Amino acid sequence: MIVTNIETVPGQTIVKHFGLVSGSTVRSKHAGRDIMAGLKNIFGGELKAYTELLTESREEAVQRMIEQARVIGANAIVNVRFSTSSVAAGAAELYAYGTAVVVE
């Protein structure tokens, strides 16, 4: 599956358009991570536990989007974007979306 954030796949032609595909995951913070994040806020530095959490969330959302595209017969997803939102206290959604197509 070709996944790109641009509108086309260089060197290939879009021959079929399926429309929007998406994947999302909702994750909550871990109490231990919150404590460490609080300490990092005092002393400064990267919040590595949150970086890992967001990386895992992005990967999961993208895999769900790819699976949705695969089921409908696409071989590429173009114009991929990410969005985040707070859905509850301490929980956030990471949403990946793009346009499923067939390229040749």
C-alpha atoms as a PDB file:
ATOM      1  CA  MET A   1       0.000   0.000   0.000  1.00  0.00           C
ATOM      2  CA  ILE A   2       1.409   3.370  -1.022  1.00  0.00           C
ATOM      3  CA  VAL A   3       0.680   6.037   1.604  1.00  0.00           C
ATOM      4  CA  THR A   4       1.587   9.647   0.863  1.00  0.00           C
ATOM      5  CA  ASN A   5       0.711  13.124   2.059  1.00  0.00           C
ATOM      6  CA  ILE A   6       0.746  14.577  -1.463  1.00  0.00           C
ATOM      7  CA  GLU A   7      -2.175  14.526  -3.900  1.00  0.00           C
ATOM      8  CA  THR A   8      -0.675  12.097  -6.399  1.00  0.00           C
ATOM      9  CA  VAL A   9       1.873   9.304  -6.581  1.00  0.00           C
ATOM     10  CA  PRO A  10       4.786  10.542  -8.716  1.00  0.00           C
ATOM     11  CA  GLY A  11       5.191   8.502 -11.892  1.00  0.00           C
ATOM     12  CA  GLN A  12       1.796   6.839 -11.541  1.00  0.00           C
ATOM     13  CA  THR A  13      -1.720   7.700 -12.632  1.00  0.00           C
ATOM     14  CA  ILE A  14      -4.816   7.541 -10.444  1.00  0.00           C
ATOM     15  CA  VAL A  15      -7.234   5.268 -12.320  1.00  0.00           C
ATOM     16  CA  LYS A  16      -9.897   4.780  -9.661  1.00  0.00           C
ATOM     17  CA  HIS A  17     -11.077   6.929  -6.769  1.00  0.00           C
ATOM     18  CA  PHE A  18     -12.771   5.406  -3.716  1.00  0.00           C
ATOM     19  CA  GLY A  19     -12.982   8.445  -1.461  1.00  0.00           C
ATOM     20  CA  LEU A  20     -12.216   9.018   2.187  1.00  0.00           C
ATOM     21  CA  VAL A  21     -10.657   6.327   4.368  1.00  0.00           C
ATOM     22  CA  SER A  22      -9.716   6.831   7.976  1.00  0.00           C
ATOM     23  CA  GLY A  23      -8.382   5.218  11.084  1.00  0.00           C
ATOM     24  CA  SER A  24      -8.385   6.379  14.664  1.00  0.00           C
ATOM     25  CA  THR A  25      -7.397   5.413  18.151  1.00  0.00           C
ATOM     26  CA  VAL A  26      -8.264   6.896  21.520  1.00  0.00           C
ATOM     27  CA  ARG A  27      -5.602   6.681  24.192  1.00  0.00           C
ATOM     28  CA  SER A  28      -5.496   7.787  27.780  1.00  0.00           C
ATOM     29  CA  LYS A  29      -2.614   8.912  29.896  1.00  0.00           C
ATOM     30  CA  HIS A  30      -0.999   6.523  32.352  1.00  0.00           C
ATOM     31  CA  ALA A  31      -0.706   7.702  35.981  1.00  0.00           C
ATOM     32  CA  GLY A  32       3.019   6.912  36.053  1.00  0.00           C
ATOM     33  CA  ARG A  33       3.551   8.850  32.846  1.00  0.00           C
ATOM     34  CA  ASP A  34       1.674  11.819  34.342  1.00  0.00           C
ATOM     35  CA  ILE A  35       3.953  11.887  37.375  1.00  0.00           C
ATOM     36  CA  MET A  36       7.086  11.771  35.220  1.00  0.00           C
ATOM     37  CA  ALA A  37       5.636  14.399  32.874  1.00  0.00           C
ATOM     38  CA  GLY A  38       4.990  16.654  35.864  1.00  0.00           C
ATOM     39  CA  LEU A  39       8.632  16.344  36.896  1.00  0.00           C
ATOM     40  CA  LYS A  40       9.813  17.047  33.346  1.00  0.00           C
ATOM     41  CA  ASN A  41       7.630  20.166  33.293  1.00  0.00           C
ATOM     42  CA  ILE A  42       9.524  21.421  36.332  1.00  0.00           C
ATOM     43  CA  PHE A  43      13.005  20.597  35.038  1.00  0.00           C
ATOM     44  CA  GLY A  44      12.412  20.761  31.285  1.00  0.00           C
ATOM     45  CA  GLY A  45      13.131  18.220  28.579  1.00  0.00           C
ATOM     46  CA  GLU A  46      11.334  15.873  26.266  1.00  0.00           C
ATOM     47  CA  LEU A  47       8.371  13.942  27.622  1.00  0.00           C
ATOM     48  CA  LYS A  48       9.558  10.637  26.149  1.00  0.00           C
ATOM     49  CA  ALA A  49       6.649   8.584  27.491  1.00  0.00           C
ATOM     50  CA  TYR A  50       4.208  10.879  25.680  1.00  0.00           C
ATOM     51  CA  THR A  51       6.339  10.855  22.532  1.00  0.00           C
ATOM     52  CA  GLU A  52       6.176   7.052  22.544  1.00  0.00           C
ATOM     53  CA  LEU A  53       2.432   7.104  23.209  1.00  0.00           C
ATOM     54  CA  LEU A  54       1.803   9.435  20.260  1.00  0.00           C
ATOM     55  CA  THR A  55       4.091   7.438  17.965  1.00  0.00           C
ATOM     56  CA  GLU A  56       2.217   4.228  18.814  1.00  0.00           C
ATOM     57  CA  SER A  57      -1.116   6.008  18.330  1.00  0.00           C
ATOM     58  CA  ARG A  58      -0.110   7.347  14.893  1.00  0.00           C
ATOM     59  CA  GLU A  59       1.054   3.897  13.782  1.00  0.00           C
ATOM     60  CA  GLU A  60      -2.177   2.267  14.959  1.00  0.00           C
ATOM     61  CA  ALA A  61      -4.393   4.886  13.286  1.00  0.00           C
ATOM     62  CA  VAL A  62      -2.452   4.571   9.999  1.00  0.00           C
ATOM     63  CA  GLN A  63      -2.692   0.761  10.064  1.00  0.00           C
ATOM     64  CA  ARG A  64      -6.462   0.997  10.569  1.00  0.00           C
ATOM     65  CA  MET A  65      -6.728   3.458   7.669  1.00  0.00           C
ATOM     66  CA  ILE A  66      -4.646   1.147   5.437  1.00  0.00           C
ATOM     67  CA  GLU A  67      -6.822  -1.834   6.325  1.00  0.00           C
ATOM     68  CA  GLN A  68      -9.977   0.109   5.426  1.00  0.00           C
ATOM     69  CA  ALA A  69      -8.440   1.047   2.057  1.00  0.00           C
ATOM     70  CA  ARG A  70      -7.289  -2.526   1.406  1.00  0.00           C
ATOM     71  CA  VAL A  71     -10.800  -3.907   2.052  1.00  0.00           C
ATOM     72  CA  ILE A  72     -12.330  -1.655  -0.607  1.00  0.00           C
ATOM     73  CA  GLY A  73      -9.659  -2.512  -3.198  1.00  0.00           C
ATOM     74  CA  ALA A  74      -7.339   0.500  -3.094  1.00  0.00           C
ATOM     75  CA  ASN A  75      -3.597   0.171  -3.586  1.00  0.00           C
ATOM     76  CA  ALA A  76      -2.714   3.697  -2.454  1.00  0.00           C
ATOM     77  CA  ILE A  77      -3.855   6.435  -0.094  1.00  0.00           C
ATOM     78  CA  VAL A  78      -3.074   9.994  -1.097  1.00  0.00           C
ATOM     79  CA  ASN A  79      -3.350  13.334   0.666  1.00  0.00           C
ATOM     80  CA  VAL A  80      -2.950  11.736   4.124  1.00  0.00           C
ATOM     81  CA  ARG A  81      -3.467  14.002   7.131  1.00  0.00           C
ATOM     82  CA  PHE A  82      -3.526  13.638  10.914  1.00  0.00           C
ATOM     83  CA  SER A  83      -5.742  15.248  13.503  1.00  0.00           C
ATOM     84  CA  THR A  84      -5.917  15.066  17.276  1.00  0.00           C
ATOM     85  CA  SER A  85      -8.659  15.956  19.678  1.00  0.00           C
ATOM     86  CA  SER A  86      -9.455  15.640  23.345  1.00  0.00           C
ATOM     87  CA  VAL A  87     -12.404  13.310  23.897  1.00  0.00           C
ATOM     88  CA  ALA A  88     -12.441  13.123  27.709  1.00  0.00           C
ATOM     89  CA  ALA A  89     -10.365  14.191  30.675  1.00  0.00           C
ATOM     90  CA  GLY A  90      -6.993  12.556  30.148  1.00  0.00           C
ATOM     91  CA  ALA A  91      -7.919  10.890  26.832  1.00  0.00           C
ATOM     92  CA  ALA A  92      -7.189  11.972  23.277  1.00  0.00           C
ATOM     93  CA  GLU A  93      -8.035  10.706  19.817  1.00  0.00           C
ATOM     94  CA  LEU A  94      -5.496  10.504  17.020  1.00  0.00           C
ATOM     95  CA  TYR A  95      -7.232  10.405  13.631  1.00  0.00           C
ATOM     96  CA  ALA A  96      -5.563   9.612  10.291  1.00  0.00           C
ATOM     97  CA  TYR A  97      -7.408  10.156   7.027  1.00  0.00           C
ATOM     98  CA  GLY A  98      -6.774  10.278   3.299  1.00  0.00           C
ATOM     99  CA  THR A  99      -8.184   9.445  -0.112  1.00  0.00           C
ATOM    100  CA  ALA A 100      -8.161   5.814  -1.209  1.00  0.00           C
ATOM    101  CA  VAL A 101      -7.283   5.287  -4.862  1.00  0.00           C
ATOM    102  CA  VAL A 102      -5.941   2.772  -7.367  1.00  0.00           C
ATOM    103  CA  VAL A 103      -2.773   3.848  -9.125  1.00  0.00           C
ATOM    104  CA  GLU A 104      -1.011   2.321 -12.128  1.00  0.00           C
END
